[in-house]
Amino acid sequence: MATDEECKSAYKAFKKRLKLTRLDEESRLGRSPLTGGGDSGIESIIPPREFPQEVWDELVKRGQLSKDSDGFYRIGTFKGGIS
């Protein structure tokens, strides 16, 4: 069973990783500076490996994350996710 402290720390790490992944995608050299930037479109990521699987399962159970396909997770509940 994952503790509240572990879940809080894992969720914070997940949000940070998602933010950095989106920033990395948006700042690619292949994007034209004249197109106005735009969002990256990245909605889900593979969670950080520093935390065990039971922590991610607990966050899904709490509704903070939802499970996408192939080990990817996204923030919040998503109706198209895998149960």
Protein backbone atom coordinates (compact mmCIF):
# COMPACT_ATOMS: atom_id res chain seq x y z
CA MET A 1 0.00 0.00 0.00
CA ALA A 2 1.36 3.38 -1.01
CA THR A 3 1.49 6.06 1.67
CA ASP A 4 0.00 9.53 1.23
CA GLU A 5 3.49 11.04 1.22
CA GLU A 6 4.65 8.68 -1.55
CA CYS A 7 1.56 9.46 -3.62
CA LYS A 8 2.00 13.20 -3.17
CA SER A 9 5.66 13.03 -4.15
CA ALA A 10 4.96 10.77 -7.13
CA TYR A 11 2.15 13.00 -8.38
CA LYS A 12 4.41 16.05 -8.13
CA ALA A 13 7.16 14.23 -10.05
CA PHE A 14 4.64 13.13 -12.68
CA LYS A 15 3.39 16.68 -13.23
CA LYS A 16 6.96 17.98 -13.49
CA ARG A 17 7.91 15.27 -16.00
CA LEU A 18 4.80 15.99 -18.09
CA LYS A 19 5.54 19.72 -18.07
CA LEU A 20 9.16 19.18 -19.13
CA THR A 21 8.13 16.74 -21.85
CA ARG A 22 5.66 19.26 -23.25
CA LEU A 23 8.23 22.07 -23.12
CA ASP A 24 10.77 19.89 -24.88
CA GLU A 25 8.29 19.09 -27.64
CA GLU A 26 7.21 22.72 -28.04
CA SER A 27 10.79 24.02 -28.26
CA ARG A 28 11.98 21.66 -30.99
CA LEU A 29 14.09 23.19 -33.71
CA GLY A 30 11.83 21.77 -36.41
CA ARG A 31 8.97 24.05 -35.46
CA SER A 32 8.64 27.29 -37.36
CA PRO A 33 8.79 30.42 -35.18
CA LEU A 34 6.29 32.04 -37.54
CA THR A 35 3.50 29.52 -36.91
CA GLY A 36 2.70 30.92 -33.49
CA GLY A 37 4.10 28.06 -31.50
CA GLY A 38 1.11 26.01 -30.51
CA ASP A 39 0.62 23.30 -27.97
CA SER A 40 2.60 20.11 -28.12
CA GLY A 41 -0.42 17.81 -28.01
CA ILE A 42 1.26 15.53 -25.47
CA GLU A 43 -1.43 14.32 -23.09
CA SER A 44 0.11 11.24 -21.46
CA ILE A 45 3.57 9.98 -20.51
CA ILE A 46 5.27 6.98 -18.97
CA PRO A 47 5.57 7.76 -15.25
CA PRO A 48 8.95 8.27 -13.55
CA ARG A 49 10.65 5.01 -12.59
CA GLU A 50 11.69 6.27 -9.16
CA PHE A 51 8.32 5.13 -7.78
CA PRO A 52 6.91 1.59 -7.70
CA GLN A 53 3.90 0.52 -9.76
CA GLU A 54 1.68 0.35 -6.67
CA VAL A 55 1.99 4.14 -6.26
CA TRP A 56 0.71 4.75 -9.80
CA ASP A 57 -2.11 2.26 -9.26
CA GLU A 58 -3.10 4.10 -6.08
CA LEU A 59 -3.14 7.46 -7.92
CA VAL A 60 -5.40 5.93 -10.58
CA LYS A 61 -7.68 4.59 -7.85
CA ARG A 62 -7.86 8.06 -6.28
CA GLY A 63 -8.75 9.61 -9.65
CA GLN A 64 -5.67 11.82 -9.88
CA LEU A 65 -4.31 9.90 -12.87
CA SER A 66 -5.87 7.69 -15.49
CA LYS A 67 -4.21 4.80 -17.25
CA ASP A 68 -3.71 5.05 -20.98
CA SER A 69 -2.47 2.24 -23.18
CA ASP A 70 1.01 0.67 -23.08
CA GLY A 71 2.02 1.96 -19.65
CA PHE A 72 1.20 5.62 -20.29
CA TYR A 73 -0.69 7.71 -17.74
CA ARG A 74 -2.46 11.08 -17.93
CA ILE A 75 -3.64 13.60 -15.35
CA GLY A 76 -7.27 13.35 -14.29
CA THR A 77 -9.91 10.89 -15.32
CA PHE A 78 -10.21 10.00 -18.97
CA LYS A 79 -13.21 8.08 -20.26
CA GLY A 80 -11.17 6.41 -23.02
CA GLY A 81 -8.56 5.02 -20.61
CA ILE A 82 -7.99 1.39 -19.80
CA SER A 83 -9.64 0.06 -16.67
